[in-house]
Amino acid sequence: MDSKELRGKVVLITGGARGIGFETGRLARENGASVALLDLDPEAVRDSASALGGDSLGVAADVTDLGQMEKAVAQAVDRFGRIDVVIASAGITPPKTTARAIEPAVWEKVVEVNTVGVYNTARATVEPVISSQGHMILIASVYAHVNGVLNTSYAVSKAGVEALGRALRAELEPHGASAAVAYFGYVETDLIGQVFDNELADRFREEIAPSFLTKKMPVSQVSEALIEGIRSRAPRIIEPAAWRPPLFLRGQVGPVNDRQLERNPKVGDFIRTFEARDIGESATPVFPPVRSGQRYRLAGKTVLVTGAAKGIGFEIARQAHGRGASVALLDIDPEDAAASARKIGVRAAGFGADVTDSDQLETAFAATRERFGSIDVVVANAGIGPSQISPIRTQDLAEWRRIYEVDLYGVWRTVRAGLEDVVSNGGQFVLVSSSYAFMNGLMNSAYATAKAGVEALGRGLRTELTAVGASSTVAYFGWIETDLVAGAFEDPLVDRMRRDVTPPWMTRTVPVAKAGKVVIEALERREPRAIAPTEWKALFYGRGVLGPLFDKRIDEDGAIAQVVPQAEERQRPG
């Protein structure tokens, strides 16, 4: 695609019936493009396409249904013969409240539409975009990198979109196509009313953010930025410009802002007010607010760990037991969980639970309470990786979904199952994320997308919990000596990337005991982060600058240009 010209090109936009999607479609038409608008509302999308006039098509499709998306894309290709540009704009926003107060189904629906819907859009359009050497834009938000307090589902979803977009760009580059992530502040759309027309949420926003960052901007400003992004194929589109420094300094700004929120008594007052409004008197805190650095003794406490039959989970449970805690080991195989508990000692018990199943989690949590009397600490560790690395283009659909279900929804459902226990006992959560939360998820997009979401959940959850006397820690691990890592390193394509692309120190493995140790130490001081190995701390704090530099290196790397097609070829049937 000519990077300077839209005339004669075909632009497909999800969420195209109104707002950003429609206005961008209008500008694309003015620049000579044919436009396919996709939206959930059949009548609205047809009317919007008619309003654009000329070569415009309106198709009804639910972005959460890959089959519907594939049919809609086929209609667009049948009508126009090609697709050059895709803008994944469809999204929803939740009511503003805490993770403790929000309806779980509402939380999950936001993530399903905003993240899985974007993945479905990319998957359904990847072949025509590669054929035209075109461009995709995935619309994230500034919430991809700011604290998602009172808005965790939205922050989780947009962090996931960012991770997906970074991986997608790296996977498209060898084919002469490209992708970008768009980060927007507050845009004057229908969705913005849920933020600015809510008195309590509006006052909270004024308290936590400077006005120059939360000033509303017209839809036209965003649409013009998207059109310019198509022309330039830039990897990032950021509007308004005031948000650019916080994005590139996110490794320093994020932790500082998190700490300020944690220590701001007015923020705590707002959180308690939201929960009193949405939950009632039962939400009244039992314990005073806590801060990082506050000592916490594990002796006499009960620690529940998911994915605990082996690896990092087992090691966390073992070391917590050594500190005098009782430990509940949850794993998908009850026999494995019980056997691992016997290895630890008399104050350990194993229970079976699939973390994607809320009923099974509730049963395991109830069994833990019956055995030990309470639950003080919950470590959401259960996670899986791919059978082998693969680009989005050829990734097994069922595997992508299963990884995302376990690694993101499984963490969320574990949090929901233990929230009242942790709040009632002034306890803690540990959410196990990964260095993939801030590194490029090239050919490992499901895992990276999920782990970026886990980080966002942990940050927002911590702010909400410290106000009511509990807390949350996010754990970031690089390469730990587990079965998961050993299996990954056996893949010849992974091995080539390690040798030819990644600096050796970034793939250094450390014993699983080290991962357990940093988690235990973080719990004992209620720290917001646990990072291992140590060198990953530099990448974490420098992520705003180092991430884009690493992405650029991947874009230009000759080895990646060979490995991506090889990975795609081995996934093809036959």
Protein backbone atom coordinates (compact mmCIF):
# COMPACT_ATOMS: atom_id res chain seq x y z
CA MET A 1 0.00 0.00 0.00
CA ASP A 2 1.27 3.46 -0.90
CA SER A 3 1.97 5.00 2.50
CA LYS A 4 0.86 8.43 1.27
CA GLU A 5 -2.31 7.65 -0.64
CA LEU A 6 -5.72 6.19 0.27
CA ARG A 7 -7.34 6.66 -3.10
CA GLY A 8 -8.49 3.33 -4.51
CA LYS A 9 -7.80 1.48 -1.26
CA VAL A 10 -10.30 -0.42 0.88
CA VAL A 11 -10.64 0.38 4.58
CA LEU A 12 -12.52 -1.96 6.96
CA ILE A 13 -13.58 -0.54 10.33
CA THR A 14 -15.21 -2.36 13.25
CA GLY A 15 -17.49 -0.37 15.54
CA GLY A 16 -18.12 1.65 12.40
CA ALA A 17 -21.73 2.71 12.89
CA ARG A 18 -20.89 5.68 15.07
CA GLY A 19 -18.20 7.53 16.98
CA ILE A 20 -14.54 7.08 16.07
CA GLY A 21 -15.27 4.31 13.58
CA PHE A 22 -17.84 6.26 11.58
CA GLU A 23 -15.88 9.52 11.55
CA THR A 24 -12.74 7.73 10.40
CA GLY A 25 -14.74 6.04 7.67
CA ARG A 26 -16.02 9.44 6.55
CA LEU A 27 -12.49 10.84 6.32
CA ALA A 28 -11.28 7.74 4.47
CA ARG A 29 -14.09 8.22 1.93
CA GLU A 30 -13.09 11.86 1.51
CA ASN A 31 -9.58 10.66 0.75
CA GLY A 32 -10.84 8.38 -1.99
CA ALA A 33 -11.05 5.03 -0.17
CA SER A 34 -13.85 2.49 -0.31
CA VAL A 35 -15.10 1.73 3.20
CA ALA A 36 -16.60 -1.34 4.85
CA LEU A 37 -18.23 -0.56 8.20
CA LEU A 38 -18.84 -3.45 10.62
CA ASP A 39 -21.02 -3.09 13.68
CA LEU A 40 -23.24 -5.14 15.97
CA ASP A 41 -26.41 -3.17 15.09
CA PRO A 42 -27.59 -4.17 11.57
CA GLU A 43 -29.85 -1.18 11.00
CA ALA A 44 -27.39 1.36 12.38
CA VAL A 45 -24.45 0.08 10.33
CA ARG A 46 -26.46 0.03 7.10
CA ASP A 47 -27.66 3.58 7.74
CA SER A 48 -24.11 4.72 8.49
CA ALA A 49 -22.77 3.16 5.30
CA SER A 50 -25.58 4.83 3.35
CA ALA A 51 -24.66 8.16 4.92
CA LEU A 52 -21.07 7.76 3.71
CA GLY A 53 -22.32 7.18 0.18
CA GLY A 54 -20.39 5.92 -2.82
CA ASP A 55 -18.33 2.77 -2.33
CA SER A 56 -19.45 2.03 1.20
CA LEU A 57 -20.71 -1.19 2.71
CA GLY A 58 -22.39 -1.78 6.06
CA VAL A 59 -22.25 -5.29 7.53
CA ALA A 60 -23.62 -6.54 10.84
CA ALA A 61 -21.14 -8.62 12.82
CA ASP A 62 -20.37 -9.36 16.46
CA VAL A 63 -16.61 -9.02 16.97
CA THR A 64 -16.72 -11.62 19.74
CA ASP A 65 -17.86 -14.24 17.19
CA LEU A 66 -15.00 -15.19 14.86
CA GLY A 67 -17.37 -16.96 12.48
CA GLN A 68 -19.43 -13.80 12.04
CA MET A 69 -16.29 -11.77 11.52
CA GLU A 70 -14.99 -14.13 8.85
CA LYS A 71 -18.31 -13.94 6.99
CA ALA A 72 -18.33 -10.14 7.21
CA VAL A 73 -14.77 -9.92 5.90
CA ALA A 74 -15.67 -12.28 3.06
CA GLN A 75 -18.55 -9.95 2.15
CA ALA A 76 -16.20 -6.99 2.06
CA VAL A 77 -13.69 -8.82 -0.12
CA ASP A 78 -16.47 -10.02 -2.41
CA ARG A 79 -17.71 -6.44 -2.77
CA PHE A 80 -14.40 -4.62 -3.13
CA GLY A 81 -11.95 -7.34 -4.15
CA ARG A 82 -9.44 -6.58 -1.40
CA ILE A 83 -8.82 -5.08 2.03
CA ASP A 84 -5.90 -2.70 2.50
CA VAL A 85 -6.50 -1.18 5.92
CA VAL A 86 -8.21 -2.55 9.04
CA ILE A 87 -9.14 -0.40 12.02
CA ALA A 88 -10.24 -2.42 15.06
CA SER A 89 -12.35 0.22 16.76
CA ALA A 90 -15.23 -1.74 18.34
CA GLY A 91 -15.26 -1.45 22.11
CA ILE A 92 -17.38 -0.97 25.22
CA THR A 93 -16.75 0.52 28.65
CA PRO A 94 -17.97 -0.71 32.05
CA PRO A 95 -19.71 1.16 34.86
CA LYS A 96 -17.08 2.73 37.08
CA THR A 97 -16.68 0.76 40.29
CA THR A 98 -14.26 -1.59 42.02
CA ALA A 99 -13.35 -5.12 41.02
CA ARG A 100 -15.06 -6.20 44.22
CA ALA A 101 -18.34 -4.48 43.34
CA ILE A 102 -18.67 -5.01 39.60
CA GLU A 103 -20.78 -7.86 38.26
CA PRO A 104 -18.33 -10.55 37.10
CA ALA A 105 -20.24 -11.09 33.85
CA VAL A 106 -20.00 -7.38 33.05
CA TRP A 107 -16.25 -7.35 33.74
CA GLU A 108 -15.71 -10.33 31.47
CA LYS A 109 -17.92 -8.94 28.69
CA VAL A 110 -15.79 -5.80 28.49
CA VAL A 111 -12.63 -7.89 28.08
CA GLU A 112 -14.33 -10.20 25.59
CA VAL A 113 -15.41 -7.34 23.32
CA ASN A 114 -12.36 -5.13 23.69
CA THR A 115 -9.58 -7.73 23.53
CA VAL A 116 -10.90 -10.98 22.12
CA GLY A 117 -12.95 -8.94 19.64
CA VAL A 118 -9.76 -7.24 18.44
CA TYR A 119 -8.01 -10.60 18.13
CA ASN A 120 -10.94 -11.94 16.09
CA THR A 121 -10.75 -8.87 13.85
CA ALA A 122 -7.03 -9.36 13.28
CA ARG A 123 -7.42 -13.08 12.66
CA ALA A 124 -10.32 -12.62 10.21
CA THR A 125 -8.50 -9.97 8.17
CA VAL A 126 -4.88 -11.08 8.31
CA GLU A 127 -4.87 -12.89 4.95
CA PRO A 128 -6.31 -10.05 2.85
CA VAL A 129 -4.08 -7.52 4.62
CA ILE A 130 -0.99 -9.59 3.89
CA SER A 131 -2.14 -10.04 0.29
CA SER A 132 -2.35 -6.26 -0.17
CA GLN A 133 0.73 -5.58 1.99
CA GLY A 134 -1.64 -3.45 4.00
CA HIS A 135 -1.91 -2.05 7.49
CA MET A 136 -3.89 -2.73 10.67
CA ILE A 137 -4.58 -0.30 13.51
CA LEU A 138 -5.69 -1.72 16.85
CA ILE A 139 -7.30 0.90 19.06
CA ALA A 140 -6.11 0.64 22.63
CA SER A 141 -6.25 3.57 25.06
CA VAL A 142 -4.11 5.48 27.52
CA TYR A 143 -5.56 2.92 29.93
CA ALA A 144 -3.12 0.47 28.38
CA HIS A 145 -0.49 2.03 30.63
CA VAL A 146 -2.21 4.04 33.40
CA ASN A 147 -3.61 2.64 36.64
CA GLY A 148 -7.06 1.15 36.03
CA VAL A 149 -8.45 1.81 39.50
CA LEU A 150 -12.29 1.69 39.38
CA ASN A 151 -11.97 0.66 35.72
CA THR A 152 -10.03 -2.60 35.85
CA SER A 153 -11.84 -4.45 33.06
CA TYR A 154 -11.26 -1.61 30.61
CA ALA A 155 -7.59 -1.25 31.60
CA VAL A 156 -7.08 -5.01 31.35
CA SER A 157 -8.65 -5.10 27.90
CA LYS A 158 -6.64 -2.19 26.53
CA ALA A 159 -3.36 -3.46 27.93
CA GLY A 160 -4.12 -6.68 26.11
CA VAL A 161 -4.80 -4.82 22.86
CA GLU A 162 -1.44 -3.09 23.12
CA ALA A 163 0.38 -6.40 23.59
CA LEU A 164 -1.54 -7.95 20.70
CA GLY A 165 -0.73 -5.02 18.42
CA ARG A 166 2.99 -5.12 19.15
CA ALA A 167 3.15 -8.84 18.37
CA LEU A 168 1.02 -8.44 15.26
CA ARG A 169 3.28 -5.76 13.80
CA ALA A 170 6.34 -7.97 14.25
CA GLU A 171 4.55 -10.88 12.58
CA LEU A 172 3.29 -8.83 9.62
CA GLU A 173 6.55 -7.07 8.80
CA PRO A 174 8.18 -10.07 7.07
CA HIS A 175 5.25 -10.05 4.63
CA GLY A 176 5.51 -6.35 3.82
CA ALA A 177 2.41 -5.53 5.87
CA SER A 178 2.29 -3.65 9.17
CA ALA A 179 0.28 -2.88 12.29
CA ALA A 180 -0.02 -0.08 14.82
CA VAL A 181 -1.48 0.55 18.26
CA ALA A 182 -3.54 3.69 18.89
CA TYR A 183 -3.58 5.25 22.37
CA PHE A 184 -6.31 7.82 22.90
CA GLY A 185 -7.28 9.89 25.90
CA TYR A 186 -10.84 11.06 26.48
CA VAL A 187 -12.77 11.31 23.23
CA GLU A 188 -16.22 12.88 22.86
CA THR A 189 -18.17 9.72 22.01
CA ASP A 190 -21.22 8.04 23.53
CA LEU A 191 -18.92 6.04 25.79
CA ILE A 192 -17.43 9.14 27.39
CA GLY A 193 -20.73 9.96 29.03
CA GLN A 194 -20.20 7.10 31.46
CA VAL A 195 -17.13 8.93 32.74
CA PHE A 196 -18.04 12.59 32.50
CA ASP A 197 -21.79 12.36 33.20
CA ASN A 198 -21.28 10.40 36.43
CA GLU A 199 -20.83 12.87 39.28
CA LEU A 200 -18.92 10.53 41.59
CA ALA A 201 -16.68 9.19 38.81
CA ASP A 202 -16.13 12.73 37.53
CA ARG A 203 -14.97 13.99 40.93
CA PHE A 204 -12.68 10.97 41.28
CA ARG A 205 -11.15 11.64 37.86
CA GLU A 206 -10.48 15.26 38.83
CA GLU A 207 -8.75 14.07 41.98
CA ILE A 208 -6.36 11.56 40.41
CA ALA A 209 -5.34 13.19 37.11
CA PRO A 210 -4.31 16.68 35.99
CA SER A 211 -6.91 18.42 33.83
CA PHE A 212 -4.63 18.73 30.79
CA LEU A 213 -4.60 14.91 30.56
CA THR A 214 -8.36 14.46 30.91
CA LYS A 215 -9.58 17.23 28.67
CA LYS A 216 -12.10 15.88 26.16
CA MET A 217 -11.13 16.02 22.51
CA PRO A 218 -13.42 15.90 19.47
CA VAL A 219 -13.84 12.70 17.48
CA SER A 220 -12.47 14.52 14.43
CA GLN A 221 -9.08 14.95 16.12
CA VAL A 222 -8.81 11.22 16.69
CA SER A 223 -10.00 10.31 13.21
CA GLU A 224 -7.50 12.66 11.61
CA ALA A 225 -4.75 11.04 13.67
CA LEU A 226 -5.86 7.61 12.45
CA ILE A 227 -5.83 8.69 8.81
CA GLU A 228 -2.34 10.14 9.25
CA GLY A 229 -1.31 6.90 10.98
CA ILE A 230 -2.43 4.94 7.94
CA ARG A 231 -0.30 7.14 5.71
CA SER A 232 2.80 6.92 7.89
CA ARG A 233 2.43 3.32 9.07
CA ALA A 234 3.81 4.52 12.40
CA PRO A 235 3.82 1.83 15.13
CA ARG A 236 2.06 4.13 17.61
CA ILE A 237 -0.64 6.78 17.33
CA ILE A 238 -1.02 8.88 20.49
CA GLU A 239 -3.63 11.60 20.99
CA PRO A 240 -3.64 14.10 22.55
CA ALA A 241 0.07 14.88 22.43
CA ALA A 242 0.09 15.50 26.20
CA TRP A 243 -0.09 11.72 26.69
CA ARG A 244 3.15 11.03 24.81
CA PRO A 245 5.59 11.71 27.69
CA PRO A 246 3.65 9.49 30.16
CA LEU A 247 3.65 6.67 27.59
CA PHE A 248 7.37 6.79 26.90
CA LEU A 249 8.20 7.31 30.60
CA ARG A 250 5.71 4.69 31.77
CA GLY A 251 8.35 2.60 33.51
CA GLN A 252 8.99 5.46 35.93
CA VAL A 253 5.67 7.34 35.85
CA GLY A 254 3.52 4.26 36.40
CA PRO A 255 5.10 3.08 39.68
CA VAL A 256 5.24 6.65 41.02
CA ASN A 257 1.60 7.25 40.17
CA ASP A 258 0.59 3.90 41.68
CA ARG A 259 2.33 4.86 44.90
CA GLN A 260 0.65 8.27 44.97
CA LEU A 261 -2.77 6.68 44.52
CA GLU A 262 -2.01 4.20 47.27
CA ARG A 263 -1.06 6.98 49.69
CA ASN A 264 -3.68 9.57 48.77
CA PRO A 265 -6.36 9.54 51.53
CA LYS A 266 -8.90 11.14 49.20
CA VAL A 267 -8.52 8.24 46.76
CA GLY A 268 -9.22 5.87 49.62
CA ASP A 269 -12.31 7.86 50.55
CA PHE A 270 -13.59 7.63 46.97
CA ILE A 271 -13.02 3.88 46.80
CA ARG A 272 -14.88 3.29 50.05
CA THR A 273 -17.70 5.54 48.80
CA PHE A 274 -18.01 3.58 45.56
CA GLU A 275 -18.15 0.29 47.43
CA ALA A 276 -20.67 1.59 49.97
CA ARG A 277 -22.85 2.73 47.06
CA ASP A 278 -22.54 -0.48 45.04
CA ILE A 279 -22.23 -3.16 47.73
CA GLY A 280 -23.79 -1.65 50.82
CA GLU A 281 -22.87 -1.78 54.48
CA SER A 282 -21.18 -5.14 54.07
CA ALA A 283 -18.40 -3.33 52.21
CA THR A 284 -17.35 -1.42 55.35
CA PRO A 285 -13.58 -2.02 55.82
CA VAL A 286 -12.45 -4.08 58.79
CA PHE A 287 -8.84 -2.90 58.62
CA PRO A 288 -7.28 0.55 58.10
CA PRO A 289 -5.55 1.39 54.80
CA VAL A 290 -2.16 -0.22 54.20
CA ARG A 291 0.99 0.89 52.40
CA SER A 292 3.89 -0.77 50.64
CA GLY A 293 6.71 -1.58 53.03
CA GLN A 294 4.29 -2.45 55.85
CA ARG A 295 5.39 -5.68 57.53
CA TYR A 296 3.21 -8.76 57.10
CA ARG A 297 3.86 -12.03 58.93
CA LEU A 298 2.95 -15.23 57.11
CA ALA A 299 3.16 -17.35 60.26
CA GLY A 300 -0.32 -18.48 61.25
CA LYS A 301 -1.85 -17.33 57.97
CA THR A 302 -3.42 -19.46 55.24
CA VAL A 303 -1.98 -19.11 51.75
CA LEU A 304 -3.87 -20.49 48.76
CA VAL A 305 -1.92 -21.01 45.53
CA THR A 306 -3.32 -21.98 42.12
CA GLY A 307 -1.28 -23.99 39.64
CA ALA A 308 0.56 -25.30 42.69
CA ALA A 309 1.26 -28.95 41.89
CA LYS A 310 4.68 -28.04 40.47
CA GLY A 311 6.90 -25.21 39.30
CA ILE A 312 6.60 -21.70 40.65
CA GLY A 313 3.29 -22.37 42.40
CA PHE A 314 4.67 -25.32 44.34
CA GLU A 315 7.75 -23.36 45.33
CA ILE A 316 5.70 -20.41 46.61
CA ALA A 317 3.56 -22.79 48.67
CA ARG A 318 6.63 -24.62 50.01
CA GLN A 319 8.36 -21.42 51.09
CA ALA A 320 5.18 -19.97 52.62
CA HIS A 321 4.83 -23.19 54.62
CA GLY A 322 8.42 -22.73 55.75
CA ARG A 323 7.45 -19.29 57.08
CA GLY A 324 4.78 -20.90 59.27
CA ALA A 325 1.75 -20.58 57.01
CA SER A 326 -0.82 -23.23 56.21
CA VAL A 327 -1.03 -23.73 52.46
CA ALA A 328 -3.74 -24.86 50.06
CA LEU A 329 -2.44 -26.14 46.74
CA LEU A 330 -4.95 -25.91 43.89
CA ASP A 331 -4.35 -27.58 40.57
CA ILE A 332 -6.43 -28.92 37.70
CA ASP A 333 -5.50 -32.50 38.70
CA PRO A 334 -6.64 -33.17 42.29
CA GLU A 335 -4.30 -36.15 42.69
CA ASP A 336 -1.28 -34.09 41.66
CA ALA A 337 -2.35 -31.32 44.05
CA ALA A 338 -2.74 -33.77 46.95
CA ALA A 339 0.60 -35.48 46.21
CA SER A 340 2.40 -32.13 46.14
CA ALA A 341 0.77 -31.10 49.41
CA ARG A 342 2.04 -34.28 51.07
CA LYS A 343 5.57 -33.35 49.98
CA ILE A 344 5.30 -30.03 51.80
CA GLY A 345 4.00 -31.10 55.21
CA VAL A 346 1.10 -31.43 57.61
CA ARG A 347 -0.14 -27.85 57.20
CA ALA A 348 -0.65 -28.37 53.47
CA ALA A 349 -3.67 -29.64 51.58
CA GLY A 350 -4.30 -30.19 47.88
CA PHE A 351 -7.54 -29.56 46.01
CA GLY A 352 -8.55 -29.93 42.39
CA ALA A 353 -9.86 -26.91 40.48
CA ASP A 354 -9.86 -25.62 36.93
CA VAL A 355 -9.27 -21.89 37.32
CA THR A 356 -11.48 -21.13 34.33
CA ASP A 357 -14.45 -22.68 36.19
CA SER A 358 -15.86 -20.38 38.88
CA ASP A 359 -17.88 -23.19 40.48
CA GLN A 360 -14.82 -25.39 40.87
CA LEU A 361 -12.90 -22.49 42.37
CA GLU A 362 -15.68 -21.77 44.85
CA THR A 363 -15.68 -25.42 45.90
CA ALA A 364 -11.90 -25.46 46.39
CA PHE A 365 -11.96 -22.19 48.34
CA ALA A 366 -14.75 -23.56 50.56
CA ALA A 367 -12.72 -26.72 51.20
CA THR A 368 -9.73 -24.57 52.14
CA ARG A 369 -11.79 -22.58 54.64
CA GLU A 370 -13.16 -25.80 56.13
CA ARG A 371 -9.67 -27.26 56.49
CA PHE A 372 -7.79 -24.20 57.77
CA GLY A 373 -10.50 -21.83 59.01
CA SER A 374 -9.68 -18.87 56.77
CA ILE A 375 -7.87 -17.67 53.64
CA ASP A 376 -5.48 -14.76 54.05
CA VAL A 377 -3.33 -14.78 50.90
CA VAL A 378 -4.30 -15.85 47.40
CA VAL A 379 -1.61 -16.44 44.77
CA ALA A 380 -3.11 -16.58 41.26
CA ASN A 381 -0.31 -18.50 39.59
CA ALA A 382 -1.99 -21.03 37.28
CA GLY A 383 -0.98 -20.52 33.67
CA ILE A 384 -0.20 -22.31 30.45
CA GLY A 385 1.77 -21.54 27.30
CA PRO A 386 1.49 -22.61 23.67
CA SER A 387 2.47 -26.08 22.46
CA GLN A 388 4.83 -24.24 20.11
CA ILE A 389 5.29 -20.62 19.12
CA SER A 390 3.14 -19.48 16.21
CA PRO A 391 2.09 -16.19 14.60
CA ILE A 392 -1.50 -15.02 14.85
CA ARG A 393 -1.95 -15.90 11.18
CA THR A 394 -1.64 -19.65 11.80
CA GLN A 395 -2.08 -20.02 15.57
CA ASP A 396 -4.45 -22.83 16.49
CA LEU A 397 -7.66 -20.99 17.38
CA ALA A 398 -8.66 -23.33 20.20
CA GLU A 399 -5.19 -23.10 21.73
CA TRP A 400 -5.11 -19.29 21.56
CA ARG A 401 -8.47 -19.15 23.33
CA ARG A 402 -7.52 -21.74 25.95
CA ILE A 403 -4.30 -19.92 26.83
CA TYR A 404 -6.18 -16.64 27.18
CA GLU A 405 -8.95 -18.29 29.22
CA VAL A 406 -6.50 -19.81 31.71
CA ASP A 407 -3.95 -17.02 31.92
CA LEU A 408 -6.33 -14.04 32.08
CA TYR A 409 -9.86 -15.13 32.95
CA GLY A 410 -8.45 -17.77 35.29
CA VAL A 411 -6.62 -15.08 37.27
CA TRP A 412 -9.72 -12.87 37.34
CA ARG A 413 -11.97 -15.71 38.54
CA THR A 414 -9.43 -16.64 41.19
CA VAL A 415 -9.45 -13.04 42.41
CA ARG A 416 -13.26 -12.98 42.55
CA ALA A 417 -13.35 -16.25 44.47
CA GLY A 418 -10.99 -14.90 47.13
CA LEU A 419 -11.87 -11.21 47.33
CA GLU A 420 -14.05 -11.32 50.41
CA ASP A 421 -11.59 -13.57 52.23
CA VAL A 422 -8.67 -11.28 51.52
CA VAL A 423 -10.58 -8.11 52.42
CA SER A 424 -12.08 -9.62 55.58
CA ASN A 425 -8.67 -10.75 56.81
CA GLY A 426 -6.60 -7.76 55.71
CA GLY A 427 -4.71 -10.09 53.43
CA GLN A 428 -3.05 -10.05 50.04
CA PHE A 429 -3.21 -11.23 46.45
CA VAL A 430 -0.29 -12.10 44.25
CA LEU A 431 -1.10 -12.09 40.54
CA VAL A 432 1.56 -13.87 38.51
CA SER A 433 2.15 -11.95 35.31
CA SER A 434 5.34 -12.22 33.25
CA SER A 435 8.08 -10.21 31.57
CA TYR A 436 5.82 -10.66 28.53
CA ALA A 437 3.63 -7.96 30.09
CA PHE A 438 6.15 -5.44 28.80
CA MET A 439 8.17 -7.30 26.15
CA ASN A 440 7.12 -8.01 22.57
CA GLY A 441 4.91 -11.10 22.38
CA LEU A 442 6.08 -12.06 18.90
CA MET A 443 4.59 -15.50 18.00
CA ASN A 444 3.30 -15.85 21.57
CA SER A 445 0.43 -13.39 21.40
CA ALA A 446 -2.12 -15.21 23.57
CA TYR A 447 0.33 -15.45 26.45
CA ALA A 448 1.58 -11.86 26.11
CA THR A 449 -1.93 -10.45 25.75
CA ALA A 450 -3.10 -12.31 28.85
CA LYS A 451 -0.09 -11.38 30.97
CA ALA A 452 -0.37 -7.69 30.04
CA GLY A 453 -3.97 -7.89 31.23
CA VAL A 454 -2.93 -9.56 34.49
CA GLU A 455 -0.52 -6.71 35.18
CA ALA A 456 -3.26 -4.12 34.60
CA LEU A 457 -5.64 -5.99 36.88
CA GLY A 458 -3.05 -6.23 39.64
CA ARG A 459 -2.23 -2.52 39.55
CA GLY A 460 -5.84 -1.37 39.71
CA LEU A 461 -6.74 -4.00 42.28
CA ARG A 462 -3.91 -2.89 44.56
CA THR A 463 -5.16 0.68 44.64
CA GLU A 464 -8.69 -0.49 45.39
CA LEU A 465 -7.56 -2.91 48.11
CA THR A 466 -5.11 -0.71 50.00
CA ALA A 467 -8.02 1.61 50.80
CA VAL A 468 -9.80 -1.22 52.64
CA GLY A 469 -6.82 -2.72 54.45
CA ALA A 470 -5.67 -5.36 51.96
CA SER A 471 -3.23 -5.34 49.04
CA SER A 472 -2.11 -6.89 45.78
CA THR A 473 1.27 -7.67 44.23
CA VAL A 474 2.11 -8.30 40.57
CA ALA A 475 4.88 -10.85 39.92
CA TYR A 476 6.96 -10.57 36.73
CA PHE A 477 9.15 -13.48 35.81
CA GLY A 478 11.58 -13.94 32.96
CA TRP A 479 12.90 -17.42 32.19
CA ILE A 480 12.46 -19.61 35.26
CA GLU A 481 13.60 -23.25 35.33
CA THR A 482 10.17 -24.82 34.93
CA ASP A 483 8.72 -27.47 32.62
CA LEU A 484 7.00 -24.69 30.65
CA VAL A 485 10.30 -22.94 29.93
CA ALA A 486 12.15 -26.18 29.22
CA GLY A 487 9.53 -27.12 26.65
CA ALA A 488 9.76 -23.72 24.98
CA PHE A 489 13.56 -23.88 24.71
CA GLU A 490 13.34 -27.23 22.91
CA ASP A 491 11.59 -25.53 19.97
CA PRO A 492 14.26 -24.98 17.27
CA LEU A 493 12.68 -21.66 16.23
CA VAL A 494 12.77 -20.40 19.82
CA ASP A 495 16.37 -21.51 20.03
CA ARG A 496 17.25 -19.57 16.89
CA MET A 497 15.57 -16.43 18.24
CA ARG A 498 17.57 -16.84 21.46
CA ARG A 499 20.83 -17.15 19.53
CA ASP A 500 20.30 -14.63 16.75
CA VAL A 501 17.87 -12.02 18.09
CA THR A 502 17.73 -11.85 21.87
CA PRO A 503 20.70 -10.71 24.01
CA PRO A 504 21.99 -13.69 26.07
CA TRP A 505 21.32 -12.05 29.43
CA MET A 506 17.62 -11.76 28.56
CA THR A 507 17.24 -15.53 28.27
CA ARG A 508 19.26 -16.49 31.33
CA THR A 509 17.29 -18.97 33.42
CA VAL A 510 17.14 -18.89 37.20
CA PRO A 511 16.09 -21.58 39.68
CA VAL A 512 12.44 -21.80 40.59
CA ALA A 513 13.44 -21.20 44.21
CA LYS A 514 14.40 -17.64 43.22
CA ALA A 515 10.89 -16.98 41.90
CA GLY A 516 9.40 -18.29 45.12
CA LYS A 517 11.77 -16.19 47.21
CA VAL A 518 10.93 -12.87 45.54
CA VAL A 519 7.20 -13.54 45.96
CA ILE A 520 7.55 -14.41 49.64
CA GLU A 521 9.67 -11.31 50.25
CA ALA A 522 7.12 -9.13 48.45
CA LEU A 523 4.33 -10.58 50.60
CA GLU A 524 6.26 -9.93 53.80
CA ARG A 525 6.58 -6.25 52.87
CA ARG A 526 3.34 -5.81 50.89
CA GLU A 527 5.38 -4.69 47.90
CA PRO A 528 3.58 -3.83 44.63
CA ARG A 529 6.00 -5.82 42.47
CA ALA A 530 8.10 -8.99 42.55
CA ILE A 531 10.58 -9.31 39.65
CA ALA A 532 13.01 -12.12 38.81
CA PRO A 533 15.68 -12.43 37.54
CA THR A 534 17.12 -9.14 38.76
CA GLU A 535 18.17 -7.81 35.35
CA TRP A 536 14.53 -7.67 34.27
CA LYS A 537 14.04 -4.78 36.69
CA ALA A 538 16.00 -2.53 34.34
CA LEU A 539 13.73 -3.52 31.45
CA PHE A 540 10.64 -3.00 33.58
CA TYR A 541 11.58 0.54 34.61
CA GLY A 542 12.91 1.41 31.17
CA ARG A 543 10.03 -0.20 29.27
CA GLY A 544 8.63 3.02 27.83
CA VAL A 545 11.81 3.62 25.84
CA LEU A 546 13.35 0.15 25.59
CA GLY A 547 10.13 -1.50 24.40
CA PRO A 548 9.81 0.64 21.25
CA LEU A 549 13.53 0.26 20.56
CA PHE A 550 13.29 -3.51 20.83
CA ASP A 551 10.19 -3.52 18.62
CA LYS A 552 12.09 -1.54 15.98
CA ARG A 553 14.96 -3.98 16.16
CA ILE A 554 12.56 -6.88 15.59
CA ASP A 555 10.98 -5.07 12.62
CA GLU A 556 14.36 -4.84 10.95
CA ASP A 557 15.89 -8.16 12.01
CA GLY A 558 16.77 -10.56 9.20
CA ALA A 559 16.43 -13.64 11.40
CA ILE A 560 12.87 -12.69 12.36
CA ALA A 561 12.06 -12.22 8.67
CA GLN A 562 12.95 -15.89 8.21
CA VAL A 563 11.59 -17.34 11.46
CA VAL A 564 8.06 -15.94 11.15
CA PRO A 565 7.32 -17.57 7.75
CA GLN A 566 8.92 -20.81 8.98
CA ALA A 567 6.66 -20.82 12.03
CA GLU A 568 3.63 -20.20 9.83
CA GLU A 569 4.57 -22.94 7.40
CA ARG A 570 4.88 -25.64 10.04
CA GLN A 571 1.39 -24.82 11.35
CA ARG A 572 -0.28 -25.25 8.00
CA PRO A 573 -2.28 -28.48 7.47
CA GLY A 574 -0.40 -31.14 5.55
